[in-house]
Amino acid sequence: MAPSNRSARSRWLDRARSIFSFFVPAYSVFASRVNWVWLVCSVTLLSASHLLMPVAAQAPESRAESLRQQRADKAKSLTPYKPSTLEAALTVAEDKAIAALGREGFYPKLGSITTDSGFSLGAGFRNSPVFKHQGTLNLWAAGSLKGYWAIEGRAVFPDLANGHLFAEGWATRRTYPQEIFFGIGPDSRRSDQVNFALRTVAFGGRGGVRPVKPIRVGVGVEHIQPSVGHGTDTRASSIEALFGDATAPGLIRQPTYLHPSVFVEVDYRQPLNARKGGWYRIEFSRYEDRDFDAYSFGRVDVDLRQFVSFLTERRVIAGRAYVSTSSANAGQAMPFYLMPYLGGSDTLRGFREYRFRGPHALLLQGEYRYEIWSGLEGAFFYDAGKVARQRSDLDLKNLERDYGFGFRFNTDNGVVVRVDAGFGSRDGKHLYIRFGGVF
């Protein structure tokens, strides 16, 4: 066994010597060639450095120059923004359809005539170059599917005497055949819902001064001739079936009124469909019964609205506080159809239209508005308010409340169409689709 083992070891040693003897000359050849390769690479790099020197001289010499070069390169790769189908449609609505409603000459009259009148359709004529281009004359007539109709003529002079004076005059005739009434006071019942017809002929004017741009001080006077009649809505009883002159003052006879007023207004909203600024107004008015000496009263209305924006005006917090209070002389009464009301798409949105009426009213509203797209906003809102028979009861106790959300299709000049869904009231859930804004 030993000789065989030595023989095997001898064979492995012979193989190792042969492999070693092969690699030594190969290494020598490889090493010599590596030297040549290194030499060739060195010469190539030196030549390239001379060729690249002009390019290096053109490289940015500072960080500012580098950023400018990056912006220039990025600008070359930019492509024009392509709006979505919805954005394009809203743009057309803003630029074409909405502009058509405010154009000169004949125009379509769309929207609601008054609260809960339903969709109305009519036509109007507007002419701005009147009285040496100082004013605008606007005539229109419209009717709704519910039988509401109105005709109005109005002349407006907003910037007389280089903007320091303003004036307007109007004449109107309106027929509202299905106005809703639940009774007077905070304890009125939903089950007592009735309807009545209200027809009004009125003409008057107002004017005043603008001492500085956001402030207006003015006076006005109006002649009003109202008439109350049988309600035409067959889904509810007419008012005379449940109420009389004691529970609905002014139901049996309606006087002709002379209505003088004085007001102060501060308006620094930006823009008119406000994202910031405020609008404050206080008005003192008197309704003088010219026929029966039984329905004369005074009234004070205070309306305060504030708008605060953030995130580049894409988010807006809007707040409103409104108070109306009246006082009648001894032996006099305030007609029910002239009392302030709460409930509906403009006030308490969780309640039926005209749900509460009374000689005194308080309303508090808040909205958080956020831009979804250009021309479309979403909103979350909260409303609280009450009516009272006595001014001493006009406090923050026992307020009616609701909350909800909505959407507004708008421009900088105002809301075109809005949708509001109100919840959280004792009156159930309500959905309102209306032309125009809330506040």
Protein backbone atom coordinates (compact mmCIF):
# COMPACT_ATOMS: atom_id res chain seq x y z
CA MET A 1 0.00 0.00 0.00
CA ALA A 2 2.90 2.45 0.77
CA PRO A 3 4.49 2.35 -2.71
CA SER A 4 1.11 3.05 -4.32
CA ASN A 5 0.55 6.05 -2.05
CA ARG A 6 3.93 7.51 -2.94
CA SER A 7 3.19 6.94 -6.58
CA ALA A 8 -0.12 8.93 -6.27
CA ARG A 9 1.61 11.78 -4.47
CA SER A 10 4.27 11.87 -7.18
CA ARG A 11 1.63 12.19 -9.87
CA TRP A 12 -0.07 15.17 -8.06
CA LEU A 13 3.29 16.91 -7.58
CA ASP A 14 4.06 16.50 -11.29
CA ARG A 15 0.70 18.06 -12.21
CA ALA A 16 1.26 21.01 -9.83
CA ARG A 17 4.69 21.69 -11.34
CA SER A 18 3.28 21.65 -14.84
CA ILE A 19 0.45 24.12 -13.93
CA PHE A 20 2.92 26.44 -12.18
CA SER A 21 5.30 26.31 -15.08
CA PHE A 22 2.38 27.37 -17.40
CA PHE A 23 1.21 30.35 -15.32
CA VAL A 24 4.62 31.91 -14.78
CA PRO A 25 5.24 32.68 -18.47
CA ALA A 26 1.53 33.58 -18.92
CA TYR A 27 1.76 36.07 -16.04
CA SER A 28 4.84 37.61 -17.59
CA VAL A 29 3.07 38.10 -20.89
CA PHE A 30 -0.06 39.44 -19.11
CA ALA A 31 1.94 41.89 -16.99
CA SER A 32 3.72 43.24 -20.04
CA ARG A 33 0.40 43.71 -21.86
CA VAL A 34 -1.16 45.41 -18.81
CA ASN A 35 1.63 47.96 -18.94
CA TRP A 36 0.79 48.63 -22.58
CA VAL A 37 -2.93 48.90 -21.81
CA TRP A 38 -2.26 51.35 -18.95
CA LEU A 39 -0.11 53.42 -21.25
CA VAL A 40 -2.76 53.54 -23.98
CA CYS A 41 -5.51 54.51 -21.47
CA SER A 42 -3.38 57.28 -20.02
CA VAL A 43 -2.75 58.81 -23.42
CA THR A 44 -6.48 58.55 -24.29
CA LEU A 45 -7.58 60.31 -21.07
CA LEU A 46 -5.08 63.12 -21.57
CA SER A 47 -6.34 63.66 -25.09
CA ALA A 48 -9.98 63.63 -23.94
CA SER A 49 -9.26 66.18 -21.23
CA HIS A 50 -8.04 68.62 -23.87
CA LEU A 51 -11.13 67.98 -25.95
CA LEU A 52 -13.52 68.47 -22.98
CA MET A 53 -11.97 71.69 -21.73
CA PRO A 54 -14.19 73.93 -23.94
CA VAL A 55 -17.28 72.11 -22.67
CA ALA A 56 -16.19 72.53 -19.07
CA ALA A 57 -15.74 76.21 -19.71
CA GLN A 58 -19.43 76.37 -20.67
CA ALA A 59 -20.66 74.71 -17.41
CA PRO A 60 -22.63 76.85 -14.90
CA GLU A 61 -20.33 78.99 -12.80
CA SER A 62 -22.76 79.46 -9.84
CA ARG A 63 -25.78 77.86 -8.12
CA ALA A 64 -28.07 80.61 -9.44
CA GLU A 65 -26.92 79.94 -12.98
CA SER A 66 -27.42 76.20 -12.43
CA LEU A 67 -31.00 76.74 -11.23
CA ARG A 68 -31.70 79.01 -14.18
CA GLN A 69 -30.43 76.37 -16.54
CA GLN A 70 -32.62 73.73 -14.85
CA ARG A 71 -35.71 75.93 -15.19
CA ALA A 72 -34.95 76.56 -18.84
CA ASP A 73 -34.57 72.83 -19.48
CA LYS A 74 -37.82 72.09 -17.62
CA ALA A 75 -39.69 74.77 -19.56
CA LYS A 76 -38.75 73.06 -22.80
CA SER A 77 -40.39 69.85 -21.62
CA LEU A 78 -43.63 71.41 -20.33
CA THR A 79 -46.94 70.76 -22.12
CA PRO A 80 -50.11 72.92 -21.96
CA TYR A 81 -52.62 72.00 -19.18
CA LYS A 82 -55.66 70.22 -20.53
CA PRO A 83 -58.77 70.77 -18.34
CA SER A 84 -61.14 67.94 -17.55
CA THR A 85 -64.58 67.70 -19.14
CA LEU A 86 -66.26 69.10 -15.99
CA GLU A 87 -63.84 72.02 -15.72
CA ALA A 88 -64.38 72.86 -19.39
CA ALA A 89 -68.17 72.77 -18.94
CA LEU A 90 -68.02 75.05 -15.89
CA THR A 91 -65.79 77.48 -17.77
CA VAL A 92 -68.29 77.65 -20.62
CA ALA A 93 -71.11 78.21 -18.10
CA GLU A 94 -69.19 81.08 -16.49
CA ASP A 95 -68.03 82.74 -19.69
CA LYS A 96 -71.06 82.16 -21.91
CA ALA A 97 -74.31 81.15 -20.22
CA ILE A 98 -73.96 83.29 -17.07
CA ALA A 99 -72.69 86.25 -19.04
CA ALA A 100 -75.77 86.00 -21.26
CA LEU A 101 -78.02 86.61 -18.24
CA GLY A 102 -76.31 89.90 -17.51
CA ARG A 103 -76.00 91.20 -21.05
CA GLU A 104 -77.52 94.32 -22.52
CA GLY A 105 -80.84 94.19 -24.38
CA PHE A 106 -83.25 91.28 -24.06
CA TYR A 107 -82.29 88.40 -21.77
CA PRO A 108 -83.93 85.28 -20.25
CA LYS A 109 -85.20 85.62 -16.68
CA LEU A 110 -84.49 82.40 -14.80
CA GLY A 111 -84.66 81.37 -11.15
CA SER A 112 -87.09 81.81 -8.29
CA ILE A 113 -89.38 84.82 -8.03
CA THR A 114 -89.49 84.49 -4.25
CA THR A 115 -88.97 81.89 -1.53
CA ASP A 116 -90.66 78.58 -2.43
CA SER A 117 -92.14 79.93 -5.66
CA GLY A 118 -90.68 77.10 -7.70
CA PHE A 119 -88.74 77.42 -10.95
CA SER A 120 -89.76 80.48 -12.92
CA LEU A 121 -89.18 81.54 -16.48
CA GLY A 122 -89.54 84.93 -18.11
CA ALA A 123 -87.81 87.63 -20.10
CA GLY A 124 -86.31 91.01 -19.41
CA PHE A 125 -84.77 94.03 -21.06
CA ARG A 126 -81.72 95.82 -19.69
CA ASN A 127 -80.34 99.10 -21.00
CA SER A 128 -77.31 100.71 -19.35
CA PRO A 129 -76.74 103.86 -21.42
CA VAL A 130 -79.58 105.89 -19.87
CA PHE A 131 -79.41 109.41 -18.50
CA LYS A 132 -76.02 110.13 -20.06
CA HIS A 133 -74.69 106.66 -19.19
CA GLN A 134 -75.17 107.28 -15.46
CA GLY A 135 -77.67 104.48 -14.81
CA THR A 136 -79.27 101.21 -15.84
CA LEU A 137 -82.92 100.55 -16.71
CA ASN A 138 -84.11 96.98 -16.11
CA LEU A 139 -87.58 95.65 -17.00
CA TRP A 140 -88.62 92.02 -16.52
CA ALA A 141 -91.60 89.70 -16.14
CA ALA A 142 -91.65 86.05 -15.06
CA GLY A 143 -94.00 83.30 -13.92
CA SER A 144 -93.63 79.88 -12.28
CA LEU A 145 -95.40 76.54 -12.60
CA LYS A 146 -97.00 77.13 -9.18
CA GLY A 147 -98.84 80.20 -10.47
CA TYR A 148 -96.45 82.79 -9.03
CA TRP A 149 -95.76 85.75 -11.28
CA ALA A 150 -94.19 89.18 -11.05
CA ILE A 151 -93.42 92.19 -13.21
CA GLU A 152 -90.90 94.85 -12.25
CA GLY A 153 -89.26 97.96 -13.60
CA ARG A 154 -86.18 99.41 -11.89
CA ALA A 155 -83.79 102.27 -12.67
CA VAL A 156 -80.47 102.23 -10.80
CA PHE A 157 -77.86 105.00 -10.59
CA PRO A 158 -74.99 103.59 -8.50
CA ASP A 159 -72.21 106.12 -9.14
CA LEU A 160 -73.55 109.65 -9.40
CA ALA A 161 -71.25 112.60 -8.64
CA ASN A 162 -68.09 110.55 -9.19
CA GLY A 163 -69.36 107.76 -6.98
CA HIS A 164 -70.39 109.89 -3.99
CA LEU A 165 -74.17 109.68 -4.62
CA PHE A 166 -76.50 106.83 -5.52
CA ALA A 167 -80.20 106.49 -6.30
CA GLU A 168 -82.76 103.99 -7.57
CA GLY A 169 -86.47 103.82 -8.24
CA TRP A 170 -88.84 100.91 -8.87
CA ALA A 171 -92.38 99.81 -9.53
CA THR A 172 -93.57 96.22 -9.15
CA ARG A 173 -96.64 94.01 -9.12
CA ARG A 174 -96.46 90.52 -7.59
CA THR A 175 -98.87 87.62 -7.10
CA TYR A 176 -97.94 84.81 -4.71
CA PRO A 177 -100.90 82.35 -4.59
CA GLN A 178 -99.50 79.63 -2.28
CA GLU A 179 -97.71 81.32 0.64
CA ILE A 180 -97.33 79.09 3.71
CA PHE A 181 -98.39 79.93 7.26
CA PHE A 182 -98.10 77.87 10.47
CA GLY A 183 -99.13 80.45 13.06
CA ILE A 184 -97.32 83.14 15.03
CA GLY A 185 -94.63 82.56 17.64
CA PRO A 186 -92.10 79.85 18.51
CA ASP A 187 -94.82 77.37 19.53
CA SER A 188 -96.49 77.20 16.11
CA ARG A 189 -97.27 73.63 15.04
CA ARG A 190 -96.35 71.86 11.82
CA SER A 191 -99.82 70.29 11.74
CA ASP A 192 -101.40 73.76 11.45
CA GLN A 193 -99.94 74.40 8.00
CA VAL A 194 -102.22 76.44 5.73
CA ASN A 195 -101.67 78.60 2.67
CA PHE A 196 -102.86 81.98 1.45
CA ALA A 197 -102.54 84.25 -1.57
CA LEU A 198 -100.62 87.52 -1.28
CA ARG A 199 -100.82 90.18 -3.99
CA THR A 200 -98.77 93.36 -3.78
CA VAL A 201 -98.46 96.53 -5.82
CA ALA A 202 -95.58 98.78 -4.80
CA PHE A 203 -93.52 101.69 -6.09
CA GLY A 204 -90.88 103.82 -4.48
CA GLY A 205 -87.26 104.92 -4.44
CA ARG A 206 -84.19 105.42 -2.32
CA GLY A 207 -81.02 107.42 -2.51
CA GLY A 208 -78.09 108.57 -0.46
CA VAL A 209 -74.44 109.43 -0.15
CA ARG A 210 -71.20 107.47 -0.09
CA PRO A 211 -68.81 109.53 2.05
CA VAL A 212 -66.06 106.93 1.61
CA LYS A 213 -66.04 103.92 -0.66
CA PRO A 214 -67.27 101.12 1.66
CA ILE A 215 -69.98 103.20 3.43
CA ARG A 216 -73.44 104.14 2.18
CA VAL A 217 -76.01 106.21 4.07
CA GLY A 218 -79.45 106.57 2.56
CA VAL A 219 -83.16 107.17 2.89
CA GLY A 220 -86.09 105.66 1.05
CA VAL A 221 -89.85 105.79 0.74
CA GLU A 222 -92.26 103.24 -0.73
CA HIS A 223 -95.99 102.98 -1.35
CA ILE A 224 -97.30 99.45 -0.70
CA GLN A 225 -100.77 98.09 -1.41
CA PRO A 226 -101.10 94.46 -0.21
CA SER A 227 -104.05 92.08 -0.61
CA VAL A 228 -104.60 88.71 1.09
CA GLY A 229 -106.84 86.05 -0.43
CA HIS A 230 -107.72 82.37 -0.63
CA GLY A 231 -104.74 80.00 -1.01
CA THR A 232 -104.67 77.87 -4.17
CA ASP A 233 -102.56 74.94 -2.90
CA THR A 234 -104.97 71.99 -2.60
CA ARG A 235 -102.51 69.99 -0.48
CA ALA A 236 -103.26 72.24 2.51
CA SER A 237 -106.24 74.22 3.79
CA SER A 238 -106.62 77.87 3.00
CA ILE A 239 -105.74 80.20 5.88
CA GLU A 240 -109.32 81.27 6.74
CA ALA A 241 -110.22 77.64 7.57
CA LEU A 242 -108.01 77.66 10.67
CA PHE A 243 -107.05 81.25 11.53
CA GLY A 244 -108.86 84.52 12.07
CA ASP A 245 -107.88 88.14 12.47
CA ALA A 246 -107.04 87.59 16.15
CA THR A 247 -104.52 84.80 15.46
CA ALA A 248 -103.38 86.19 12.09
CA PRO A 249 -103.58 90.02 12.29
CA GLY A 250 -104.29 91.64 8.94
CA LEU A 251 -106.16 88.66 7.52
CA ILE A 252 -109.57 90.34 7.19
CA ARG A 253 -108.53 93.76 5.91
CA GLN A 254 -105.30 95.08 4.47
CA PRO A 255 -104.33 98.74 4.53
CA THR A 256 -102.29 100.77 2.07
CA TYR A 257 -98.88 101.57 3.57
CA LEU A 258 -96.47 104.45 3.33
CA HIS A 259 -93.09 102.96 4.15
CA PRO A 260 -90.23 105.42 4.86
CA SER A 261 -86.80 104.10 5.89
CA VAL A 262 -83.26 105.14 6.82
CA PHE A 263 -80.26 102.86 6.51
CA VAL A 264 -76.49 102.66 6.94
CA GLU A 265 -74.46 100.06 5.05
CA VAL A 266 -70.79 99.08 5.10
CA ASP A 267 -69.64 96.77 2.31
CA TYR A 268 -65.99 95.78 1.86
CA ARG A 269 -66.47 92.24 0.56
CA GLN A 270 -63.86 90.91 -1.85
CA PRO A 271 -65.20 89.86 -4.31
CA LEU A 272 -69.02 90.12 -4.25
CA ASN A 273 -69.17 86.34 -3.80
CA ALA A 274 -67.06 87.08 -0.77
CA ARG A 275 -63.92 85.25 0.31
CA LYS A 276 -62.89 87.97 2.72
CA GLY A 277 -64.22 91.20 4.14
CA GLY A 278 -67.63 92.04 5.54
CA TRP A 279 -71.10 93.45 4.87
CA TYR A 280 -73.02 95.22 7.66
CA ARG A 281 -76.39 96.92 7.42
CA ILE A 282 -78.82 98.51 9.85
CA GLU A 283 -82.20 99.86 8.74
CA PHE A 284 -84.89 101.79 10.61
CA SER A 285 -88.28 101.78 8.93
CA ARG A 286 -91.86 102.74 9.58
CA TYR A 287 -95.05 101.24 8.14
CA GLU A 288 -97.83 103.84 8.26
CA ASP A 289 -101.40 102.53 7.84
CA ARG A 290 -103.07 105.01 5.49
CA ASP A 291 -106.58 103.50 5.64
CA PHE A 292 -107.64 102.11 9.02
CA ASP A 293 -105.17 103.51 11.59
CA ALA A 294 -104.93 99.97 12.99
CA TYR A 295 -101.78 98.38 11.51
CA SER A 296 -98.99 100.93 11.93
CA PHE A 297 -95.65 99.81 13.39
CA GLY A 298 -91.93 100.50 13.39
CA ARG A 299 -89.19 98.00 12.61
CA VAL A 300 -85.41 97.71 13.01
CA ASP A 301 -83.35 95.21 10.98
CA VAL A 302 -79.67 94.50 11.65
CA ASP A 303 -77.75 92.20 9.30
CA LEU A 304 -74.04 91.49 9.93
CA ARG A 305 -71.96 89.21 7.66
CA GLN A 306 -68.25 88.43 7.97
CA PHE A 307 -65.92 86.38 5.74
CA VAL A 308 -62.46 85.05 6.65
CA SER A 309 -60.32 83.11 4.16
CA PHE A 310 -57.15 81.03 4.34
CA LEU A 311 -55.10 78.67 2.15
CA THR A 312 -54.89 81.24 -0.68
CA GLU A 313 -58.64 81.97 -0.36
CA ARG A 314 -59.61 78.41 -1.23
CA ARG A 315 -61.16 77.99 2.22
CA VAL A 316 -63.65 80.49 3.66
CA ILE A 317 -65.37 80.73 7.03
CA ALA A 318 -68.56 82.79 6.65
CA GLY A 319 -70.72 84.00 9.52
CA ARG A 320 -74.00 85.87 9.75
CA ALA A 321 -76.01 87.43 12.58
CA TYR A 322 -79.45 88.84 11.82
CA VAL A 323 -81.90 90.51 14.20
CA SER A 324 -85.31 92.01 13.43
CA THR A 325 -87.48 93.66 16.03
CA SER A 326 -90.66 95.73 15.76
CA SER A 327 -92.90 97.89 17.89
CA ALA A 328 -96.55 98.83 17.31
CA ASN A 329 -98.40 101.76 18.80
CA ALA A 330 -101.12 101.17 21.37
CA GLY A 331 -104.14 99.65 19.69
CA GLN A 332 -102.10 98.80 16.59
CA ALA A 333 -101.01 95.39 15.26
CA MET A 334 -98.33 94.12 12.88
CA PRO A 335 -99.86 92.13 9.97
CA PHE A 336 -98.73 88.52 9.92
CA TYR A 337 -97.55 88.70 6.27
CA LEU A 338 -95.08 91.49 7.12
CA MET A 339 -93.54 89.69 10.10
CA PRO A 340 -89.99 88.34 9.72
CA TYR A 341 -89.85 84.57 9.26
CA LEU A 342 -87.37 81.74 9.83
CA GLY A 343 -87.19 78.40 8.07
CA GLY A 344 -86.28 77.39 4.57
CA SER A 345 -83.42 77.63 2.11
CA ASP A 346 -82.17 81.06 3.27
CA THR A 347 -82.50 80.87 7.07
CA LEU A 348 -83.06 77.65 9.08
CA ARG A 349 -82.30 75.06 6.40
CA GLY A 350 -83.40 72.13 8.53
CA PHE A 351 -87.00 73.43 8.58
CA ARG A 352 -89.86 73.96 6.17
CA GLU A 353 -90.15 77.31 4.39
CA TYR A 354 -91.78 80.01 6.58
CA ARG A 355 -91.86 77.58 9.51
CA PHE A 356 -91.75 80.35 12.16
CA ARG A 357 -93.13 83.89 12.09
CA GLY A 358 -93.16 86.55 14.76
CA PRO A 359 -92.72 90.27 15.38
CA HIS A 360 -89.17 89.61 16.63
CA ALA A 361 -86.58 87.26 15.11
CA LEU A 362 -82.96 86.21 15.68
CA LEU A 363 -80.83 84.21 13.25
CA LEU A 364 -77.21 82.97 13.53
CA GLN A 365 -75.54 81.14 10.63
CA GLY A 366 -72.07 79.77 10.00
CA GLU A 367 -70.55 78.09 6.96
CA TYR A 368 -67.22 76.47 6.12
CA ARG A 369 -66.77 76.74 2.34
CA TYR A 370 -64.04 74.94 0.40
CA GLU A 371 -63.15 75.03 -3.27
CA ILE A 372 -63.50 71.71 -5.11
CA TRP A 373 -62.86 72.98 -8.65
CA SER A 374 -63.01 76.33 -10.31
CA GLY A 375 -66.67 77.31 -10.17
CA LEU A 376 -67.67 74.60 -7.65
CA GLU A 377 -67.58 74.82 -3.85
CA GLY A 378 -68.64 72.53 -1.06
CA ALA A 379 -69.99 73.80 2.26
CA PHE A 380 -70.78 72.61 5.78
CA PHE A 381 -73.23 74.81 7.67
CA TYR A 382 -74.87 75.33 11.05
CA ASP A 383 -77.99 77.46 11.65
CA ALA A 384 -79.64 78.59 14.88
CA GLY A 385 -82.46 81.01 15.52
CA LYS A 386 -85.85 81.77 16.99
CA VAL A 387 -88.87 84.07 16.74
CA ALA A 388 -90.55 85.70 19.73
CA ARG A 389 -93.77 87.49 20.55
CA GLN A 390 -92.05 89.77 23.06
CA ARG A 391 -88.73 91.56 22.55
CA SER A 392 -87.59 90.44 26.01
CA ASP A 393 -87.71 86.83 24.80
CA LEU A 394 -85.26 87.53 21.99
CA ASP A 395 -82.27 85.83 23.63
CA LEU A 396 -80.02 82.81 23.07
CA LYS A 397 -82.23 80.39 24.99
CA ASN A 398 -84.26 77.63 23.32
CA LEU A 399 -82.90 78.28 19.84
CA GLU A 400 -84.01 76.13 16.94
CA ARG A 401 -80.97 74.43 15.37
CA ASP A 402 -79.93 72.50 12.30
CA TYR A 403 -76.78 71.50 10.41
CA GLY A 404 -75.96 70.13 6.99
CA PHE A 405 -73.85 70.31 3.85
CA GLY A 406 -74.21 71.66 0.35
CA PHE A 407 -72.63 72.55 -2.99
CA ARG A 408 -72.45 75.87 -4.83
CA PHE A 409 -71.88 76.52 -8.54
CA ASN A 410 -70.56 80.05 -8.54
CA THR A 411 -68.57 82.89 -10.05
CA ASP A 412 -66.78 85.81 -8.41
CA ASN A 413 -69.99 87.84 -8.63
CA GLY A 414 -72.28 85.35 -6.89
CA VAL A 415 -73.74 81.87 -6.58
CA VAL A 416 -75.63 80.64 -9.65
CA VAL A 417 -77.11 77.39 -8.28
CA ARG A 418 -76.76 75.77 -4.87
CA VAL A 419 -77.87 72.53 -3.24
CA ASP A 420 -78.30 72.34 0.56
CA ALA A 421 -79.29 69.35 2.69
CA GLY A 422 -80.40 70.21 6.24
CA PHE A 423 -80.52 67.81 9.21
CA GLY A 424 -80.75 67.79 12.97
CA SER A 425 -83.99 69.71 13.48
CA ARG A 426 -87.30 68.66 15.01
CA ASP A 427 -88.79 69.31 11.58
CA GLY A 428 -87.07 66.43 9.79
CA LYS A 429 -84.67 66.42 6.84
CA HIS A 430 -84.88 68.91 3.99
CA LEU A 431 -83.22 69.24 0.59
CA TYR A 432 -83.17 72.60 -1.20
CA ILE A 433 -82.08 73.35 -4.77
CA ARG A 434 -82.08 77.09 -5.36
CA PHE A 435 -80.78 79.79 -7.65
CA GLY A 436 -78.59 82.29 -5.80
CA GLY A 437 -76.64 82.21 -2.56
CA VAL A 438 -77.51 82.26 1.13
CA PHE A 439 -75.34 85.14 2.34
